[in-house]
Amino acid sequence: MSVTPGYHKIKTSSGKYLTLSTQNGTVTAMTASGATNQTWNFQPSGNNWTITNTGYTLTTYAYSTGQSSSTVSGNTLSTEWTIVPNSGNYSFQLGSNNSFAWSVGTNDQVTLAGTQLQNNAQQLSVE
């Protein structure tokens, strides 16, 4: 199973959905609401993907200088992501530096974490 271009929801292992709750805000995991800010448009960009929030028409962005903990936010700038399948789920890694991937913290914020630290919290399903 692979991700196809188009509109999807991104679900965490806790059952919450990734949400852009404010314009230029941090991507967080929230209970399903059916709002457009929980829907994401996946579009191929070369070997990578851009992921745009449909509620705010902002792309996912994270700035990394080789350090983790950078937040994933909605922005007019865009970060390209590599989507890596893993047993029916996916990790979303920096296209330019695959040693960092999306991580959902205990505060439900999505940040970049070193891929060597990944556990089930970083494995996301795409619906």
C-alpha atoms as a PDB file:
ATOM      1  CA  MET A   1       0.000   0.000   0.000  1.00  0.00           C
ATOM      2  CA  SER A   2       1.346   3.413  -0.895  1.00  0.00           C
ATOM      3  CA  VAL A   3       0.160   6.977  -0.463  1.00  0.00           C
ATOM      4  CA  THR A   4      -1.628   8.365  -3.499  1.00  0.00           C
ATOM      5  CA  PRO A   5      -1.812  12.036  -4.509  1.00  0.00           C
ATOM      6  CA  GLY A   6      -4.898  13.796  -3.209  1.00  0.00           C
ATOM      7  CA  TYR A   7      -6.716  14.580   0.010  1.00  0.00           C
ATOM      8  CA  HIS A   8      -6.089  12.521   3.133  1.00  0.00           C
ATOM      9  CA  LYS A   9      -6.318  12.554   6.901  1.00  0.00           C
ATOM     10  CA  ILE A  10      -3.232  11.639   8.936  1.00  0.00           C
ATOM     11  CA  LYS A  11      -3.949   9.521  12.015  1.00  0.00           C
ATOM     12  CA  THR A  12      -1.585   8.951  14.944  1.00  0.00           C
ATOM     13  CA  SER A  13      -1.175   5.700  16.825  1.00  0.00           C
ATOM     14  CA  SER A  14      -3.286   7.222  19.645  1.00  0.00           C
ATOM     15  CA  GLY A  15      -6.241   7.650  17.248  1.00  0.00           C
ATOM     16  CA  LYS A  16      -5.970  11.443  16.976  1.00  0.00           C
ATOM     17  CA  TYR A  17      -5.677  13.309  13.670  1.00  0.00           C
ATOM     18  CA  LEU A  18      -3.015  15.802  12.674  1.00  0.00           C
ATOM     19  CA  THR A  19      -4.541  19.280  12.679  1.00  0.00           C
ATOM     20  CA  LEU A  20      -3.409  22.778  11.810  1.00  0.00           C
ATOM     21  CA  SER A  21      -5.453  24.654  14.403  1.00  0.00           C
ATOM     22  CA  THR A  22      -4.342  28.196  13.547  1.00  0.00           C
ATOM     23  CA  GLN A  23      -2.835  29.896  10.507  1.00  0.00           C
ATOM     24  CA  ASN A  24       0.982  29.602  10.678  1.00  0.00           C
ATOM     25  CA  GLY A  25       0.556  27.448  13.772  1.00  0.00           C
ATOM     26  CA  THR A  26       2.117  24.201  14.848  1.00  0.00           C
ATOM     27  CA  VAL A  27       0.681  20.941  13.569  1.00  0.00           C
ATOM     28  CA  THR A  28      -0.878  19.073  16.507  1.00  0.00           C
ATOM     29  CA  ALA A  29      -2.782  15.839  17.085  1.00  0.00           C
ATOM     30  CA  MET A  30      -6.450  16.359  17.976  1.00  0.00           C
ATOM     31  CA  THR A  31      -9.662  14.349  18.255  1.00  0.00           C
ATOM     32  CA  ALA A  32     -11.445  13.978  14.913  1.00  0.00           C
ATOM     33  CA  SER A  33     -13.687  16.960  14.162  1.00  0.00           C
ATOM     34  CA  GLY A  34     -14.360  16.624  10.433  1.00  0.00           C
ATOM     35  CA  ALA A  35     -13.020  20.159   9.877  1.00  0.00           C
ATOM     36  CA  THR A  36     -10.993  20.968   6.758  1.00  0.00           C
ATOM     37  CA  ASN A  37      -7.974  21.795   8.920  1.00  0.00           C
ATOM     38  CA  GLN A  38      -7.643  18.027   9.527  1.00  0.00           C
ATOM     39  CA  THR A  39      -7.430  17.272   5.791  1.00  0.00           C
ATOM     40  CA  TRP A  40      -4.140  17.350   3.890  1.00  0.00           C
ATOM     41  CA  ASN A  41      -3.399  17.488   0.167  1.00  0.00           C
ATOM     42  CA  PHE A  42      -0.495  15.187  -0.760  1.00  0.00           C
ATOM     43  CA  GLN A  43       1.239  16.110  -4.024  1.00  0.00           C
ATOM     44  CA  PRO A  44       4.393  14.558  -5.499  1.00  0.00           C
ATOM     45  CA  SER A  45       7.395  16.836  -5.905  1.00  0.00           C
ATOM     46  CA  GLY A  46      10.140  14.923  -7.712  1.00  0.00           C
ATOM     47  CA  ASN A  47      11.029  11.986  -5.436  1.00  0.00           C
ATOM     48  CA  ASN A  48       9.411  13.707  -2.445  1.00  0.00           C
ATOM     49  CA  TRP A  49       6.019  15.121  -1.439  1.00  0.00           C
ATOM     50  CA  THR A  50       4.529  18.440  -0.434  1.00  0.00           C
ATOM     51  CA  ILE A  51       1.737  18.233   2.126  1.00  0.00           C
ATOM     52  CA  THR A  52      -0.712  21.148   2.253  1.00  0.00           C
ATOM     53  CA  ASN A  53      -3.407  21.758   4.850  1.00  0.00           C
ATOM     54  CA  THR A  54      -6.728  22.309   3.086  1.00  0.00           C
ATOM     55  CA  GLY A  55      -8.256  24.432   5.849  1.00  0.00           C
ATOM     56  CA  TYR A  56      -5.602  27.142   5.638  1.00  0.00           C
ATOM     57  CA  THR A  57      -3.987  26.321   2.256  1.00  0.00           C
ATOM     58  CA  LEU A  58      -0.577  26.295   3.939  1.00  0.00           C
ATOM     59  CA  THR A  59       2.135  23.703   3.389  1.00  0.00           C
ATOM     60  CA  THR A  60       3.875  21.768   6.122  1.00  0.00           C
ATOM     61  CA  TYR A  61       7.211  23.308   6.966  1.00  0.00           C
ATOM     62  CA  ALA A  62      10.041  22.529   9.357  1.00  0.00           C
ATOM     63  CA  TYR A  63      13.439  24.136   9.474  1.00  0.00           C
ATOM     64  CA  SER A  64      16.253  21.808  10.469  1.00  0.00           C
ATOM     65  CA  THR A  65      19.906  22.581  10.836  1.00  0.00           C
ATOM     66  CA  GLY A  66      20.797  19.056  11.868  1.00  0.00           C
ATOM     67  CA  GLN A  67      18.987  19.330  15.182  1.00  0.00           C
ATOM     68  CA  SER A  68      15.735  17.762  16.231  1.00  0.00           C
ATOM     69  CA  SER A  69      12.812  19.431  18.013  1.00  0.00           C
ATOM     70  CA  SER A  70      12.010  21.823  15.173  1.00  0.00           C
ATOM     71  CA  THR A  71       8.226  22.134  15.059  1.00  0.00           C
ATOM     72  CA  VAL A  72       6.235  21.164  11.989  1.00  0.00           C
ATOM     73  CA  SER A  73       4.001  24.100  11.124  1.00  0.00           C
ATOM     74  CA  GLY A  74       1.739  25.499   8.441  1.00  0.00           C
ATOM     75  CA  ASN A  75       3.596  28.053   6.369  1.00  0.00           C
ATOM     76  CA  THR A  76       3.768  29.774   3.000  1.00  0.00           C
ATOM     77  CA  LEU A  77       7.211  28.153   2.747  1.00  0.00           C
ATOM     78  CA  SER A  78       7.312  24.456   1.947  1.00  0.00           C
ATOM     79  CA  THR A  79       9.374  21.507   3.102  1.00  0.00           C
ATOM     80  CA  GLU A  80       9.560  18.415   0.901  1.00  0.00           C
ATOM     81  CA  TRP A  81       8.994  15.116   2.690  1.00  0.00           C
ATOM     82  CA  THR A  82       9.887  11.508   1.965  1.00  0.00           C
ATOM     83  CA  ILE A  83       7.031   9.185   2.914  1.00  0.00           C
ATOM     84  CA  VAL A  84       8.438   5.844   4.058  1.00  0.00           C
ATOM     85  CA  PRO A  85       6.055   2.852   4.347  1.00  0.00           C
ATOM     86  CA  ASN A  86       6.328   0.576   7.391  1.00  0.00           C
ATOM     87  CA  SER A  87       3.825  -2.266   7.905  1.00  0.00           C
ATOM     88  CA  GLY A  88       0.816  -0.314   6.618  1.00  0.00           C
ATOM     89  CA  ASN A  89       1.848   2.914   8.336  1.00  0.00           C
ATOM     90  CA  TYR A  90       4.271   5.655   7.320  1.00  0.00           C
ATOM     91  CA  SER A  91       6.999   7.855   8.644  1.00  0.00           C
ATOM     92  CA  PHE A  92       7.348  11.354   7.215  1.00  0.00           C
ATOM     93  CA  GLN A  93      11.034  12.162   6.848  1.00  0.00           C
ATOM     94  CA  LEU A  94      12.802  15.303   5.716  1.00  0.00           C
ATOM     95  CA  GLY A  95      13.348  14.943   1.986  1.00  0.00           C
ATOM     96  CA  SER A  96      16.714  16.686   2.245  1.00  0.00           C
ATOM     97  CA  ASN A  97      17.872  14.873   5.401  1.00  0.00           C
ATOM     98  CA  ASN A  98      16.177  11.553   6.099  1.00  0.00           C
ATOM     99  CA  SER A  99      17.706  11.296   9.566  1.00  0.00           C
ATOM    100  CA  PHE A 100      14.776  13.403  10.888  1.00  0.00           C
ATOM    101  CA  ALA A 101      11.078  12.465  10.861  1.00  0.00           C
ATOM    102  CA  TRP A 102       7.773  13.700  12.256  1.00  0.00           C
ATOM    103  CA  SER A 103       7.280  12.835  15.902  1.00  0.00           C
ATOM    104  CA  VAL A 104       4.114  13.339  17.946  1.00  0.00           C
ATOM    105  CA  GLY A 105       5.100  14.349  21.483  1.00  0.00           C
ATOM    106  CA  THR A 106       3.232  13.898  24.743  1.00  0.00           C
ATOM    107  CA  ASN A 107       1.939  17.471  24.273  1.00  0.00           C
ATOM    108  CA  ASP A 108       0.456  16.347  20.901  1.00  0.00           C
ATOM    109  CA  GLN A 109       2.718  18.755  18.977  1.00  0.00           C
ATOM    110  CA  VAL A 110       4.432  17.456  15.848  1.00  0.00           C
ATOM    111  CA  THR A 111       8.172  18.054  15.829  1.00  0.00           C
ATOM    112  CA  LEU A 112      11.164  16.556  14.048  1.00  0.00           C
ATOM    113  CA  ALA A 113      12.935  13.750  15.859  1.00  0.00           C
ATOM    114  CA  GLY A 114      15.985  11.763  14.921  1.00  0.00           C
ATOM    115  CA  THR A 115      14.859   8.643  13.083  1.00  0.00           C
ATOM    116  CA  GLN A 116      17.004   6.556  15.422  1.00  0.00           C
ATOM    117  CA  LEU A 117      14.527   7.557  18.176  1.00  0.00           C
ATOM    118  CA  GLN A 118      11.384   6.521  16.287  1.00  0.00           C
ATOM    119  CA  ASN A 119       8.804   4.351  17.939  1.00  0.00           C
ATOM    120  CA  ASN A 120       5.109   3.745  17.312  1.00  0.00           C
ATOM    121  CA  ALA A 121       4.306   7.422  17.990  1.00  0.00           C
ATOM    122  CA  GLN A 122       6.094   8.315  14.746  1.00  0.00           C
ATOM    123  CA  GLN A 123       4.254   5.749  12.638  1.00  0.00           C
ATOM    124  CA  LEU A 124       1.250   7.488  11.101  1.00  0.00           C
ATOM    125  CA  SER A 125      -1.594   6.099   9.036  1.00  0.00           C
ATOM    126  CA  VAL A 126      -2.984   7.895   5.990  1.00  0.00           C
ATOM    127  CA  GLU A 127      -6.722   7.649   5.383  1.00  0.00           C
END
